Protein backbone atom coordinates (compact mmCIF):
# COMPACT_ATOMS: atom_id res chain seq x y z
CA MET A 1 19.18 12.47 -9.36
CA LYS A 2 15.69 14.21 -9.74
CA SER A 3 12.53 12.23 -8.91
CA VAL A 4 8.71 13.33 -9.69
CA GLY A 5 6.01 11.51 -8.06
CA VAL A 6 2.56 10.40 -8.98
CA VAL A 7 -0.16 8.68 -7.28
CA VAL A 8 -1.83 6.01 -9.11
CA GLU A 9 -4.58 2.94 -8.86
CA TYR A 10 -3.46 1.59 -12.54
CA ASN A 11 -6.99 -0.26 -12.29
CA PRO A 12 -5.57 -1.51 -15.10
CA PHE A 13 -2.69 0.30 -16.53
CA HIS A 14 -3.64 1.74 -19.94
CA ASN A 15 -2.20 4.12 -22.62
CA GLY A 16 -3.63 7.16 -20.64
CA HIS A 17 -1.36 6.45 -17.64
CA LYS A 18 1.58 5.63 -19.86
CA TYR A 19 1.36 9.33 -21.11
CA HIS A 20 0.82 10.39 -17.62
CA ALA A 21 3.92 9.06 -16.81
CA ALA A 22 6.02 10.38 -19.82
CA SER A 23 4.33 14.05 -19.30
CA ALA A 24 5.48 14.01 -15.53
CA LYS A 25 9.03 13.34 -16.53
CA GLU A 26 9.13 15.66 -19.27
CA LYS A 27 7.26 18.41 -17.56
CA THR A 28 9.59 18.46 -14.56
CA GLU A 29 12.69 17.64 -16.37
CA ALA A 30 13.03 14.44 -13.61
CA ASP A 31 15.27 11.51 -14.21
CA VAL A 32 13.18 9.31 -12.19
CA VAL A 33 9.49 8.60 -11.84
CA ILE A 34 8.10 7.40 -8.72
CA ALA A 35 4.53 5.91 -8.33
CA VAL A 36 2.75 5.50 -5.07
CA MET A 37 0.15 2.78 -5.96
CA SER A 38 -2.90 1.49 -4.11
CA GLY A 39 -2.36 -2.30 -3.37
CA ASN A 40 -5.35 -4.48 -3.70
CA PHE A 41 -8.50 -2.28 -2.26
CA LEU A 42 -8.68 1.20 -4.13
CA GLN A 43 -9.75 4.60 -3.00
CA ARG A 44 -12.89 4.50 -4.31
CA GLY A 45 -13.95 1.60 -2.03
CA GLU A 46 -13.34 -1.51 -4.91
CA PRO A 47 -10.92 -4.10 -4.78
CA ALA A 48 -8.45 -3.91 -7.70
CA LEU A 49 -9.65 -5.73 -10.79
CA PHE A 50 -5.77 -7.32 -11.34
CA ASN A 51 -3.68 -7.83 -8.16
CA LYS A 52 -1.05 -5.15 -7.40
CA TRP A 53 2.03 -7.19 -8.70
CA ILE A 54 0.20 -7.42 -12.13
CA ARG A 55 0.00 -3.98 -12.11
CA THR A 56 3.24 -2.84 -10.87
CA GLU A 57 4.72 -4.89 -13.55
CA ALA A 58 2.89 -3.22 -16.23
CA ALA A 59 3.75 0.21 -15.06
CA LEU A 60 7.62 -0.90 -14.77
CA LYS A 61 7.57 -1.67 -18.36
CA ASN A 62 5.83 1.53 -19.49
CA GLY A 63 7.70 4.67 -17.87
CA VAL A 64 7.56 4.25 -14.10
CA ASP A 65 10.72 3.51 -12.66
CA ILE A 66 9.97 2.58 -8.71
CA VAL A 67 6.44 1.52 -7.56
CA LEU A 68 5.72 1.94 -3.94
CA GLU A 69 2.72 0.60 -2.35
CA LEU A 70 0.22 2.88 -0.49
CA PRO A 71 -0.90 1.02 2.74
CA VAL A 72 -4.70 -0.22 2.68
CA LEU A 73 -5.41 1.99 5.98
CA TYR A 74 -4.68 4.84 3.44
CA SER A 75 -5.43 3.90 -0.03
CA ASN A 76 -9.18 2.57 1.15
CA GLN A 77 -10.39 5.81 2.40
CA SER A 78 -11.78 9.20 1.60
CA ALA A 79 -9.81 11.60 -0.83
CA GLU A 80 -8.43 13.34 2.22
CA ILE A 81 -6.63 10.35 4.01
CA PHE A 82 -5.62 8.74 1.01
CA ALA A 83 -3.96 12.27 -0.66
CA TYR A 84 -2.25 12.75 3.02
CA GLY A 85 -0.90 9.14 2.85
CA ALA A 86 0.38 8.83 -0.76
CA VAL A 87 1.90 12.81 -0.51
CA SER A 88 3.77 11.71 2.72
CA ILE A 89 5.44 8.68 0.79
CA LEU A 90 6.39 10.79 -2.09
CA ASP A 91 7.86 13.46 0.46
CA SER A 92 10.02 10.89 2.01
CA VAL A 93 11.62 9.43 -0.92
CA GLY A 94 12.74 12.81 -1.63
CA CYS A 95 10.41 13.76 -4.31
CA SER A 96 10.77 17.33 -6.01
CA ASN A 97 7.43 17.44 -7.62
CA ILE A 98 4.17 15.66 -7.44
CA VAL A 99 2.52 15.84 -10.85
CA PHE A 100 -1.54 14.88 -11.16
CA GLY A 101 -4.01 14.45 -14.08
CA SER A 102 -6.52 17.05 -14.31
CA GLU A 103 -9.31 18.21 -16.05
CA THR A 104 -8.22 21.75 -15.97
CA LYS A 105 -5.53 23.75 -17.77
CA SER A 106 -4.30 26.00 -15.05
CA ILE A 107 -3.27 24.62 -11.54
CA ASN A 108 -3.55 28.39 -10.38
CA GLU A 109 -7.41 27.49 -10.56
CA LEU A 110 -7.29 24.53 -7.87
CA LYS A 111 -5.02 26.50 -5.75
CA GLU A 112 -7.31 29.35 -5.48
CA ILE A 113 -9.56 26.76 -4.09
CA VAL A 114 -7.23 25.41 -1.50
CA GLU A 115 -6.71 28.98 -0.78
CA ILE A 116 -10.20 29.82 0.38
CA GLU A 117 -9.71 27.34 3.15
CA ASN A 118 -6.33 29.08 4.39
CA ASN A 119 -8.70 32.59 4.67
CA ASN A 120 -10.58 32.46 8.14
CA GLU A 121 -13.46 34.28 6.66
CA LEU A 122 -13.85 32.49 3.43
CA LYS A 123 -13.59 29.13 5.72
CA GLU A 124 -16.27 30.08 7.95
CA LYS A 125 -18.47 30.93 5.19
CA LEU A 126 -17.50 28.04 3.21
CA ASP A 127 -18.32 25.40 6.54
CA THR A 128 -21.74 27.59 6.80
CA ILE A 129 -22.90 26.86 2.82
CA VAL A 130 -21.80 23.03 3.19
CA LYS A 131 -23.88 22.42 6.26
CA GLU A 132 -26.90 24.25 4.67
CA GLU A 133 -26.44 22.14 1.46
CA LEU A 134 -25.81 18.90 3.34
CA LYS A 135 -29.31 19.80 5.23
CA LYS A 136 -30.94 19.61 1.60
CA GLY A 137 -30.03 15.95 1.91
CA LEU A 138 -26.80 16.50 -0.57
CA SER A 139 -24.01 14.04 -0.75
CA TYR A 140 -20.67 16.14 1.04
CA PRO A 141 -18.98 16.53 -2.41
CA ASN A 142 -22.03 18.00 -4.17
CA ALA A 143 -22.45 20.28 -0.87
CA TYR A 144 -18.89 21.07 -1.39
CA ASN A 145 -19.12 21.92 -4.92
CA ASN A 146 -22.39 23.98 -4.54
CA ALA A 147 -20.54 26.06 -1.55
CA ILE A 148 -17.50 26.68 -4.22
CA LEU A 149 -19.50 27.49 -6.61
CA LYS A 150 -21.22 30.32 -4.48
CA LEU A 151 -18.12 31.69 -2.96
CA SER A 152 -15.67 31.67 -6.19
CA GLY A 153 -18.32 31.36 -9.17
CA LYS A 154 -16.21 28.28 -10.32
CA ASN A 155 -18.48 25.62 -11.64
CA ASP A 156 -17.68 22.00 -12.89
CA VAL A 157 -14.37 22.62 -11.14
CA LEU A 158 -14.57 19.63 -8.63
CA THR A 159 -14.34 16.99 -11.18
CA PRO A 160 -12.90 13.60 -9.95
CA ASN A 161 -9.04 14.22 -10.83
CA ASN A 162 -9.41 17.90 -9.73
CA ILE A 163 -10.57 16.70 -6.28
CA LEU A 164 -7.81 14.62 -5.62
CA GLY A 165 -5.54 17.07 -6.86
CA ILE A 166 -6.84 19.90 -4.47
CA GLU A 167 -6.40 17.25 -1.94
CA TYR A 168 -2.71 16.68 -2.71
CA MET A 169 -2.21 20.03 -2.23
CA ARG A 170 -3.80 20.42 1.00
CA ALA A 171 -1.78 17.76 2.03
CA LEU A 172 1.43 19.23 0.80
CA LYS A 173 0.60 22.23 3.17
CA LYS A 174 -0.28 19.84 6.17
CA ILE A 175 2.95 18.45 6.36
CA ASN A 176 4.81 21.13 5.21
CA SER A 177 6.34 19.72 2.11
CA LYS A 178 8.51 21.29 -0.74
CA MET A 179 7.41 19.41 -3.27
CA GLU A 180 5.83 21.47 -6.00
CA PRO A 181 2.33 20.46 -7.65
CA GLU A 182 2.05 20.19 -11.08
CA LEU A 183 -0.81 18.93 -13.47
CA VAL A 184 -1.06 17.06 -16.63
CA LYS A 185 -4.31 18.12 -18.69
CA ARG A 186 -6.09 14.84 -19.13
CA LYS A 187 -6.12 13.43 -22.49
CA GLY A 188 -8.73 11.63 -24.34
CA ALA A 189 -11.42 10.36 -22.60
CA GLU A 190 -12.70 12.17 -19.01
CA PHE A 191 -12.77 10.05 -15.99
CA TYR A 192 -16.02 8.16 -16.11
CA SER A 193 -16.57 8.60 -20.02
CA GLU A 194 -17.25 5.63 -22.13
CA THR A 195 -15.73 7.02 -25.43
CA VAL A 196 -12.20 6.12 -27.10
CA SER A 197 -10.07 9.10 -28.23
CA GLU A 198 -6.72 8.80 -29.80
CA ASN A 199 -6.38 4.99 -28.25
CA ILE A 200 -6.97 6.15 -24.98
CA ALA A 201 -10.01 5.22 -22.86
CA SER A 202 -11.20 5.77 -19.41
CA ALA A 203 -10.33 2.72 -17.05
CA THR A 204 -13.99 2.64 -16.34
CA LEU A 205 -14.72 1.83 -19.87
CA ILE A 206 -11.89 -0.74 -19.94
CA ARG A 207 -12.98 -2.56 -16.60
CA LYS A 208 -16.54 -2.55 -17.99
CA LYS A 209 -15.24 -4.21 -21.48
CA ILE A 210 -12.81 -7.00 -19.50
CA GLU A 211 -15.94 -8.11 -17.33
CA SER A 212 -18.20 -8.27 -20.22
CA GLY A 213 -15.71 -10.44 -21.83
CA ASN A 214 -14.77 -8.53 -24.67
CA ILE A 215 -10.71 -8.46 -23.66
CA ASN A 216 -9.76 -7.97 -27.58
CA GLU A 217 -11.70 -4.71 -27.61
CA ILE A 218 -9.13 -3.26 -25.28
CA ILE A 219 -5.99 -4.52 -26.94
CA SER A 220 -5.86 -0.77 -28.88
CA LEU A 221 -6.13 0.94 -25.28
CA ILE A 222 -3.19 -0.55 -23.45
CA PRO A 223 0.70 -0.77 -24.09
CA GLU A 224 1.50 -3.54 -26.16
CA ASN A 225 3.98 -5.05 -23.66
CA SER A 226 0.98 -5.13 -21.32
CA VAL A 227 -1.28 -7.32 -23.37
CA ASP A 228 -0.13 -10.74 -22.63
CA LEU A 229 0.13 -9.96 -18.93
CA LEU A 230 -4.01 -8.76 -18.77
CA LYS A 231 -4.90 -11.63 -20.81
CA LYS A 232 -3.14 -14.30 -18.93
CA GLU A 233 -4.93 -12.92 -15.80
CA TYR A 234 -8.35 -12.40 -17.44
CA GLU A 235 -8.11 -16.00 -19.01
CA SER A 236 -6.96 -17.40 -15.57
CA SER A 237 -10.47 -15.79 -14.33
CA LYS A 238 -8.43 -14.03 -11.54
CA MET A 239 -10.15 -11.07 -11.92
CA VAL A 240 -11.98 -9.51 -8.90
CA LYS A 241 -14.98 -7.33 -8.28
CA LEU A 242 -16.92 -6.08 -5.16
CA ASP A 243 -19.80 -8.10 -5.99
CA ASP A 244 -17.68 -11.27 -5.68
CA PHE A 245 -17.56 -10.46 -1.80
CA PHE A 246 -21.19 -10.55 -1.25
CA ASP A 247 -21.27 -13.66 0.83
CA ILE A 248 -18.57 -12.59 2.65
CA LEU A 249 -20.08 -9.19 3.20
CA LYS A 250 -23.23 -10.52 4.09
CA TYR A 251 -21.91 -12.97 6.52
CA VAL A 252 -19.70 -10.18 8.55
CA ILE A 253 -22.78 -8.17 8.63
CA LEU A 254 -25.41 -10.48 9.81
CA SER A 255 -23.13 -12.30 12.44
CA GLN A 256 -21.80 -9.09 13.88
CA PRO A 257 -24.26 -6.66 13.84
CA GLU A 258 -23.11 -4.67 16.71
CA LYS A 259 -19.35 -4.09 15.22
CA LEU A 260 -21.29 -2.00 12.43
CA LYS A 261 -21.42 1.13 14.15
CA TYR A 262 -17.94 1.27 15.04
CA ILE A 263 -16.93 0.88 11.32
CA GLN A 264 -15.28 3.91 9.43
CA ASP A 265 -17.36 5.53 7.33
CA ILE A 266 -20.56 4.38 8.94
CA GLU A 267 -22.83 7.20 10.36
CA SER A 268 -25.41 6.47 12.92
CA GLY A 269 -28.83 4.59 11.89
CA PHE A 270 -26.63 3.40 8.63
CA ASP A 271 -25.74 0.38 10.47
CA ILE A 272 -29.36 -0.81 10.81
CA ARG A 273 -29.72 -0.25 7.01
CA LEU A 274 -26.88 -2.12 6.43
CA TYR A 275 -28.34 -5.14 8.17
CA LYS A 276 -31.93 -4.89 7.05
CA GLY A 277 -30.37 -4.91 3.56
CA ALA A 278 -28.10 -8.05 4.34
CA LEU A 279 -31.04 -9.65 5.93
CA LYS A 280 -33.37 -9.83 2.63
CA SER A 281 -31.17 -9.27 -0.16
CA LYS A 282 -30.46 -12.83 -2.21
CA ASN A 283 -27.57 -11.09 -4.35
CA TYR A 284 -25.16 -7.87 -4.08
CA ASN A 285 -27.49 -5.78 -6.54
CA GLU A 286 -30.27 -6.17 -4.19
CA PHE A 287 -28.33 -5.66 -1.36
CA PHE A 288 -26.67 -2.35 -2.97
CA GLU A 289 -29.74 -0.78 -4.13
CA SER A 290 -31.53 -1.22 -0.84
CA ILE A 291 -28.76 0.83 0.95
CA ILE A 292 -27.97 3.41 -1.50
CA THR A 293 -29.00 7.03 -0.63
CA LYS A 294 -28.63 10.47 -2.45
CA ARG A 295 -27.03 11.49 0.69
CA TYR A 296 -23.87 9.33 0.48
CA THR A 297 -21.74 9.03 -3.13
CA ILE A 298 -21.43 5.64 -4.54
CA SER A 299 -17.80 5.65 -3.88
CA ARG A 300 -18.56 6.38 -0.14
CA VAL A 301 -21.08 3.48 0.22
CA GLN A 302 -18.57 1.20 -1.27
CA ARG A 303 -16.02 1.99 0.81
CA MET A 304 -18.26 1.35 3.96
CA LEU A 305 -18.37 -2.16 2.51
CA THR A 306 -14.82 -2.94 1.93
CA HIS A 307 -14.22 -1.24 5.61
CA ILE A 308 -16.53 -3.64 6.94
CA ILE A 309 -14.79 -6.64 4.99
CA LEU A 310 -11.55 -5.43 5.87
CA ASP A 311 -12.49 -4.42 9.52
CA ILE A 312 -11.20 -0.93 9.09
CA ASP A 313 -12.87 0.83 12.07
CA VAL A 314 -12.98 4.37 13.24
CA GLU A 315 -10.34 4.06 15.93
CA SER A 316 -7.62 2.70 13.13
CA SER A 317 -8.70 5.37 10.83
CA GLU A 318 -8.30 8.27 13.43
CA ARG A 319 -4.98 6.78 14.37
CA ILE A 320 -3.43 6.81 10.68
CA LYS A 321 -5.17 10.45 10.27
CA ARG A 322 -2.52 11.72 12.91
CA SER A 323 0.18 10.10 11.44
CA LYS A 324 2.18 9.60 8.00
CA PRO A 325 2.89 6.27 6.88
CA PRO A 326 6.48 5.04 8.80
CA TYR A 327 7.86 3.10 5.78
CA SER A 328 7.41 2.53 2.10
CA ARG A 329 7.30 -0.82 0.65
CA ILE A 330 8.57 -1.07 -2.38
CA LEU A 331 6.73 -3.21 -4.95
CA GLY A 332 9.16 -3.05 -8.07
CA VAL A 333 12.00 -1.06 -9.36
CA ASN A 334 13.90 -1.05 -12.86
CA ASN A 335 17.68 -0.17 -13.21
CA VAL A 336 16.83 3.43 -13.30
CA GLY A 337 15.02 3.23 -9.87
CA ARG A 338 17.63 0.57 -8.35
CA GLU A 339 20.10 3.62 -8.99
CA TYR A 340 17.87 6.23 -7.50
CA LEU A 341 17.37 3.78 -4.57
CA LYS A 342 21.12 3.74 -3.87
CA TYR A 343 21.42 7.48 -4.14
CA LEU A 344 18.53 8.06 -1.85
CA LYS A 345 20.07 5.69 0.76
CA LYS A 346 23.28 7.93 0.77
CA ARG A 347 21.48 10.98 1.15
CA ASP A 348 19.29 9.72 3.93
CA PRO A 349 20.81 6.73 5.60
CA GLU A 350 17.49 6.52 8.14
CA ILE A 351 15.11 5.93 5.54
CA PHE A 352 13.10 2.73 5.87
CA LEU A 353 11.97 1.06 2.57
CA MET A 354 11.01 -2.30 3.10
CA THR A 355 12.55 -4.34 0.50
CA ASN A 356 12.04 -7.79 2.13
CA THR A 357 8.91 -8.67 4.35
CA LYS A 358 10.32 -11.80 5.98
CA CYS A 359 12.30 -9.60 8.01
CA SER A 360 10.53 -6.28 7.99
CA GLU A 361 8.49 -6.76 11.40
CA GLU A 362 11.78 -6.54 13.45
CA LYS A 363 12.61 -3.20 11.56
CA LEU A 364 9.13 -1.57 11.77
CA SER A 365 7.82 0.56 14.48
CA ALA A 366 4.66 -0.11 16.47
CA LEU A 367 2.55 1.93 14.25
CA GLY A 368 4.37 0.36 10.96
CA ASN A 369 3.24 -3.12 12.61
CA PHE A 370 -0.28 -2.02 13.04
CA ILE A 371 -0.14 -0.38 9.59
CA TYR A 372 1.65 -3.30 8.03
CA GLU A 373 -1.02 -6.19 9.70
CA TYR A 374 -3.88 -4.46 7.68
CA ASP A 375 -2.06 -4.96 4.75
CA LYS A 376 -1.35 -8.83 4.99
CA ARG A 377 -5.18 -9.26 6.33
CA ALA A 378 -5.99 -7.54 2.93
CA THR A 379 -3.94 -9.41 0.61
CA GLU A 380 -5.32 -12.68 2.39
CA ILE A 381 -8.90 -11.66 1.98
CA TYR A 382 -8.36 -10.59 -1.46
CA LYS A 383 -6.83 -14.08 -2.48
CA ILE A 384 -10.08 -15.54 -1.08
CA LEU A 385 -11.17 -14.71 -4.44
CA SER A 386 -7.93 -14.47 -6.77
CA TYR A 387 -5.08 -16.50 -5.45
CA TYR A 388 -1.69 -15.60 -6.44
CA GLU A 389 1.40 -15.84 -4.74
CA GLU A 390 2.50 -12.86 -2.48
CA ARG A 391 5.99 -12.01 -3.15
CA LYS A 392 8.53 -11.28 -0.43
CA MET A 393 10.60 -9.26 -2.72
CA PRO A 394 10.03 -6.29 -5.26
CA ILE A 395 9.73 -6.76 -8.98
CA LEU A 396 12.82 -6.17 -10.76
CA VAL A 397 12.47 -5.02 -14.37
CA GLU A 398 15.45 -4.57 -16.72
């Protein structure tokens, strides 16, 4: 059986995601679509609007055959670490291809950028230009984008999906994977767009409509079989946003200011900025406005905040940077997915796929338990604001 991998967050699952899964399968002539999905905390430094089980069920009803969880120590990180963890998992379960959405038509355009870093002379020039741009006070993504423009003449290539696509290709090289990268041209609305095209809208727009109470306006933008699923969660007021965590965040910052400098992504001096901001702010918006600077992207600052909440420190992040995820937790499968898992187990009897968390800790390595402890913590913290019954077994969709 041939499998294709996609890296996703489905926050929430919409028509564009369904198109991506179908296109990935068609483009690679695969039998199975395997999604590695962030759990309850996401790459842009936010909690998921809906919990991981709701998003898993929607995916399994709409073209995805297996959903695997990307552990929070990889999912709630920079694009480089996020991609490394996700690609490693897809590689471990035998995917022949990884297919990602892109704002460009040709994957060769992205490969050319990756090759710049494999050329020692160009890499040296790239690093020099990036440092010069950073000295101007630019964020790293903007500095890197300017450096690529100066070296390659390519403008507006480093869009959100393309940045991740480039990181996936870097990760493939890093782990020496045989997976082939492919792209699907993004259809309809752009990543942060607030327009609707062909019943496809960005997840950003859909979240805004949900958060503002306009749930009926998104019905045409999500698959019909997922409408009731999302409506039920919405009506139960189980949606989660980062600003909902403000009281918890403020308490942690004010009670443990000495720990801030050890938190992942927080550079020297920013810990003081965080403490002062928490001290004087009455709500999340005041706090965020007081700490944001043009040197850091909004996603970077949000990750700092979720790292504080989850206690993700530099030491833990360095540990997983050097190690592939030693296990894959299955969140859900359909019948096709179950057949593939049987096939995979015969092909590789040593592979460890977590299906039952009840006895998982005995089977996990020391590193596996270390990573899984963070996932358990993230679940319990998420449930403070949106309680749900955590499953021990995967979702099965016929």
